[in-house]
Amino acid sequence: MARTSDAFIQKYTKMDIAQLKDPIIFVVDMINGFVKEGALHDEAISKTIQPICDLLDKEVGRAIFVADAHPPKTREFLSYPSHCVIGTRESEVVEELYPYVHELFHKNSTNTFTSVDFQQFLKERMPMYQDIVICGCCSDICIMQFALCLNAWLNEHNETKKRVIIPMDCIDTYHIDDVHDAVEWNEFSIRNMEANGIQVVAGFKGENC
């Protein structure tokens, strides 16, 4: 669950899962290097694992996992500490979610939209889906960048029937005292996405939800 103030989260309601239409679910960066170990991890993000499992257990649509997989020397390390290097445990999906991984995209930046794997998906498979659900971390970086770029692409191509949907119980960001406040950045990113036409819900309800 995205860490926010109580007053903030009370403004949001759950969506009936039956309202999803031809959905595709992206699970972004739920990997060891952001959840369990390494310079950029925050173990509190692990609280999103069970809600993501609960969603995937409903089998409402295909799920695609996305994972950072950086070469040992990469431009992103000028901005962030070395993390999630190709072939290391950090770049692997967390154990609890691994049984759900049937398709995995890799990326060498914070933004899934720019990855080679996703660009191929966009050209070849996007017409198959209507609702795009995005889960994972981090809310204000990888999730927000992906959601905003994808939504802008949908606007550019006048894809009026497609929706980008963010369930708050399936996202979070990291917290570092006096550096990066999880509550502040979660609330900012959620407001920003919502202001740009992305649908934010508390989570999903319905049969077995």
Protein backbone atom coordinates (compact mmCIF):
# COMPACT_ATOMS: atom_id res chain seq x y z
CA MET A 1 0.00 0.00 0.00
CA ALA A 2 1.31 3.44 -0.90
CA ARG A 3 2.27 5.19 2.31
CA THR A 4 0.07 8.29 2.53
CA SER A 5 -1.77 10.25 5.20
CA ASP A 6 -5.09 8.81 6.36
CA ALA A 7 -6.94 11.87 5.09
CA PHE A 8 -5.38 11.45 1.64
CA ILE A 9 -6.23 7.79 1.12
CA GLN A 10 -9.83 8.24 2.30
CA LYS A 11 -10.52 10.22 -0.86
CA TYR A 12 -10.10 7.08 -2.98
CA THR A 13 -12.39 4.08 -3.43
CA LYS A 14 -11.90 0.58 -4.77
CA MET A 15 -12.86 -0.30 -8.32
CA ASP A 16 -15.01 -3.36 -8.97
CA ILE A 17 -12.67 -5.75 -10.74
CA ALA A 18 -15.49 -6.70 -13.11
CA GLN A 19 -15.22 -3.20 -14.59
CA LEU A 20 -11.83 -3.97 -16.10
CA LYS A 21 -12.04 -4.45 -19.86
CA ASP A 22 -9.45 -6.49 -21.74
CA PRO A 23 -6.80 -5.65 -19.14
CA ILE A 24 -3.04 -5.99 -19.21
CA ILE A 25 -1.20 -5.76 -15.88
CA PHE A 26 2.35 -4.47 -15.61
CA VAL A 27 4.28 -5.25 -12.43
CA VAL A 28 7.25 -2.88 -12.37
CA ASP A 29 10.51 -3.36 -10.46
CA MET A 30 9.25 -5.72 -7.77
CA ILE A 31 12.79 -7.06 -7.63
CA ASN A 32 15.24 -7.74 -4.83
CA GLY A 33 17.26 -4.60 -5.52
CA PHE A 34 14.33 -2.35 -4.61
CA VAL A 35 12.58 -4.50 -2.02
CA LYS A 36 15.06 -6.70 -0.16
CA GLU A 37 18.70 -5.73 -0.64
CA GLY A 38 21.08 -3.25 -2.20
CA ALA A 39 21.70 0.49 -2.12
CA LEU A 40 18.21 1.47 -3.25
CA HIS A 41 15.98 -1.02 -1.44
CA ASP A 42 13.29 -0.30 1.14
CA GLU A 43 11.85 -3.36 2.86
CA ALA A 44 8.58 -1.51 3.56
CA ILE A 45 7.80 -1.80 -0.16
CA SER A 46 7.31 -5.53 0.50
CA LYS A 47 3.86 -4.66 1.89
CA THR A 48 2.70 -4.31 -1.71
CA ILE A 49 3.58 -7.94 -2.50
CA GLN A 50 0.42 -9.50 -1.07
CA PRO A 51 -1.99 -7.04 -2.76
CA ILE A 52 -0.21 -7.69 -6.07
CA CYS A 53 -0.49 -11.46 -5.49
CA ASP A 54 -4.18 -11.03 -4.70
CA LEU A 55 -4.71 -9.16 -7.96
CA LEU A 56 -2.78 -11.67 -10.06
CA ASP A 57 -4.62 -14.56 -8.42
CA LYS A 58 -7.83 -13.24 -9.99
CA GLU A 59 -6.41 -14.01 -13.45
CA VAL A 60 -8.36 -11.09 -14.92
CA GLY A 61 -5.71 -10.45 -17.55
CA ARG A 62 -2.19 -11.19 -18.67
CA ALA A 63 0.59 -9.94 -16.40
CA ILE A 64 3.95 -8.70 -17.63
CA PHE A 65 6.76 -8.13 -15.15
CA VAL A 66 9.35 -5.41 -15.73
CA ALA A 67 12.80 -5.46 -14.12
CA ASP A 68 15.79 -3.16 -14.02
CA ALA A 69 18.75 -4.95 -15.60
CA HIS A 70 21.75 -2.64 -15.92
CA PRO A 71 25.18 -3.30 -17.41
CA PRO A 72 27.97 -2.82 -14.83
CA LYS A 73 28.70 0.57 -16.38
CA THR A 74 25.60 2.51 -17.33
CA ARG A 75 24.69 6.19 -17.60
CA GLU A 76 21.97 5.91 -14.93
CA PHE A 77 24.66 5.27 -12.32
CA LEU A 78 25.68 8.92 -12.69
CA SER A 79 22.40 9.76 -10.96
CA TYR A 80 21.84 6.73 -8.72
CA PRO A 81 24.13 4.30 -6.89
CA SER A 82 24.96 1.08 -8.72
CA HIS A 83 21.97 -1.25 -8.52
CA CYS A 84 20.23 -4.19 -10.19
CA VAL A 85 23.18 -5.15 -12.38
CA ILE A 86 22.48 -7.83 -14.99
CA GLY A 87 23.05 -11.33 -13.63
CA THR A 88 22.90 -10.36 -9.95
CA ARG A 89 20.26 -11.31 -7.37
CA GLU A 90 19.21 -7.65 -7.21
CA SER A 91 17.83 -7.81 -10.74
CA GLU A 92 15.61 -10.83 -9.98
CA VAL A 93 11.89 -10.68 -9.20
CA VAL A 94 11.20 -11.19 -5.49
CA GLU A 95 10.62 -14.81 -4.50
CA GLU A 96 6.97 -14.32 -3.52
CA LEU A 97 6.03 -13.03 -6.98
CA TYR A 98 8.30 -15.26 -9.05
CA PRO A 99 5.63 -17.98 -9.56
CA TYR A 100 3.52 -15.36 -11.38
CA VAL A 101 6.25 -14.46 -13.87
CA HIS A 102 5.32 -15.78 -17.30
CA GLU A 103 6.69 -12.84 -19.28
CA LEU A 104 9.50 -10.51 -18.25
CA PHE A 105 10.63 -7.24 -19.82
CA HIS A 106 14.00 -5.68 -18.99
CA LYS A 107 14.89 -2.01 -18.90
CA ASN A 108 18.06 0.04 -18.55
CA SER A 109 16.39 3.22 -17.32
CA THR A 110 13.77 4.26 -14.79
CA ASN A 111 11.11 4.40 -17.52
CA THR A 112 9.51 1.20 -18.82
CA PHE A 113 8.08 3.13 -21.77
CA THR A 114 11.54 3.62 -23.30
CA SER A 115 12.65 0.00 -23.01
CA VAL A 116 13.17 -2.04 -26.17
CA ASP A 117 10.84 -4.76 -24.91
CA PHE A 118 7.98 -2.36 -24.24
CA GLN A 119 8.42 -0.51 -27.52
CA GLN A 120 7.97 -3.81 -29.33
CA PHE A 121 4.87 -4.53 -27.23
CA LEU A 122 3.50 -1.09 -28.07
CA LYS A 123 3.80 -1.68 -31.80
CA GLU A 124 2.67 -5.29 -31.93
CA ARG A 125 0.35 -6.02 -29.01
CA MET A 126 -1.15 -2.85 -27.54
CA PRO A 127 -4.27 -3.07 -29.77
CA MET A 128 -5.20 -6.31 -27.95
CA TYR A 129 -5.76 -4.54 -24.65
CA GLN A 130 -7.98 -1.77 -23.31
CA ASP A 131 -7.22 -1.21 -19.62
CA ILE A 132 -3.58 -0.93 -18.57
CA VAL A 133 -3.03 -1.55 -14.86
CA ILE A 134 0.37 -0.55 -13.45
CA CYS A 135 1.68 -1.88 -10.11
CA GLY A 136 5.03 -1.89 -8.32
CA CYS A 137 7.64 0.66 -7.36
CA CYS A 138 8.67 3.37 -7.16
CA SER A 139 5.53 5.50 -7.29
CA ASP A 140 7.24 8.80 -8.02
CA ILE A 141 9.91 7.47 -10.38
CA CYS A 142 9.37 4.28 -12.38
CA ILE A 143 5.58 4.10 -11.96
CA MET A 144 4.88 7.77 -12.64
CA GLN A 145 7.26 8.03 -15.60
CA PHE A 146 5.78 4.95 -17.24
CA ALA A 147 2.18 6.00 -16.60
CA LEU A 148 2.64 9.57 -17.82
CA CYS A 149 4.50 8.58 -20.99
CA LEU A 150 2.03 5.83 -21.81
CA ASN A 151 -0.94 8.11 -21.19
CA ALA A 152 0.62 10.81 -23.39
CA TRP A 153 1.09 8.21 -26.14
CA LEU A 154 -2.58 7.23 -25.84
CA ASN A 155 -3.54 10.91 -26.11
CA GLU A 156 -1.33 11.39 -29.15
CA HIS A 157 -3.00 8.47 -30.90
CA ASN A 158 -6.49 9.41 -29.68
CA GLU A 159 -6.99 6.02 -27.99
CA THR A 160 -10.13 7.17 -26.20
CA LYS A 161 -11.26 3.73 -25.00
CA LYS A 162 -8.01 2.82 -23.26
CA ARG A 163 -7.38 3.64 -19.60
CA VAL A 164 -4.25 3.70 -17.46
CA ILE A 165 -5.20 2.55 -13.95
CA ILE A 166 -3.09 2.73 -10.79
CA PRO A 167 -4.21 0.72 -7.71
CA MET A 168 -2.78 2.44 -4.63
CA ASP A 169 -2.52 -0.75 -2.61
CA CYS A 170 -0.15 -2.16 -5.26
CA ILE A 171 2.37 0.73 -5.41
CA ASP A 172 4.81 2.43 -3.05
CA THR A 173 8.08 4.35 -3.01
CA TYR A 174 11.15 4.29 -0.79
CA HIS A 175 11.72 6.32 2.37
CA ILE A 176 14.94 7.94 3.58
CA ASP A 177 14.68 10.31 6.54
CA ASP A 178 15.34 13.96 5.61
CA VAL A 179 16.05 12.91 2.00
CA HIS A 180 13.03 11.23 0.42
CA ASP A 181 9.79 11.15 2.39
CA ALA A 182 7.62 8.27 1.18
CA VAL A 183 4.33 9.89 2.19
CA GLU A 184 5.16 13.19 0.53
CA TRP A 185 6.37 11.64 -2.72
CA ASN A 186 3.56 9.10 -2.92
CA GLU A 187 0.97 11.84 -2.54
CA PHE A 188 2.72 14.07 -5.08
CA SER A 189 2.99 11.33 -7.69
CA ILE A 190 -0.60 10.20 -7.23
CA ARG A 191 -1.90 13.76 -7.58
CA ASN A 192 0.30 14.34 -10.61
CA MET A 193 -0.84 11.19 -12.38
CA GLU A 194 -4.46 11.91 -11.61
CA ALA A 195 -4.15 15.49 -12.88
CA ASN A 196 -2.88 14.08 -16.18
CA GLY A 197 -5.86 11.82 -16.79
CA ILE A 198 -4.67 8.61 -15.16
CA GLN A 199 -7.26 6.76 -13.06
CA VAL A 200 -6.12 6.16 -9.49
CA VAL A 201 -8.10 3.76 -7.31
CA ALA A 202 -7.60 2.49 -3.75
CA GLY A 203 -7.50 -1.06 -5.10
CA PHE A 204 -9.89 -3.60 -6.56
CA LYS A 205 -12.98 -5.20 -5.07
CA GLY A 206 -15.16 -8.02 -6.25
CA GLU A 207 -15.22 -11.78 -6.09
CA ASN A 208 -12.44 -12.99 -3.76
CA CYS A 209 -10.97 -9.47 -3.62
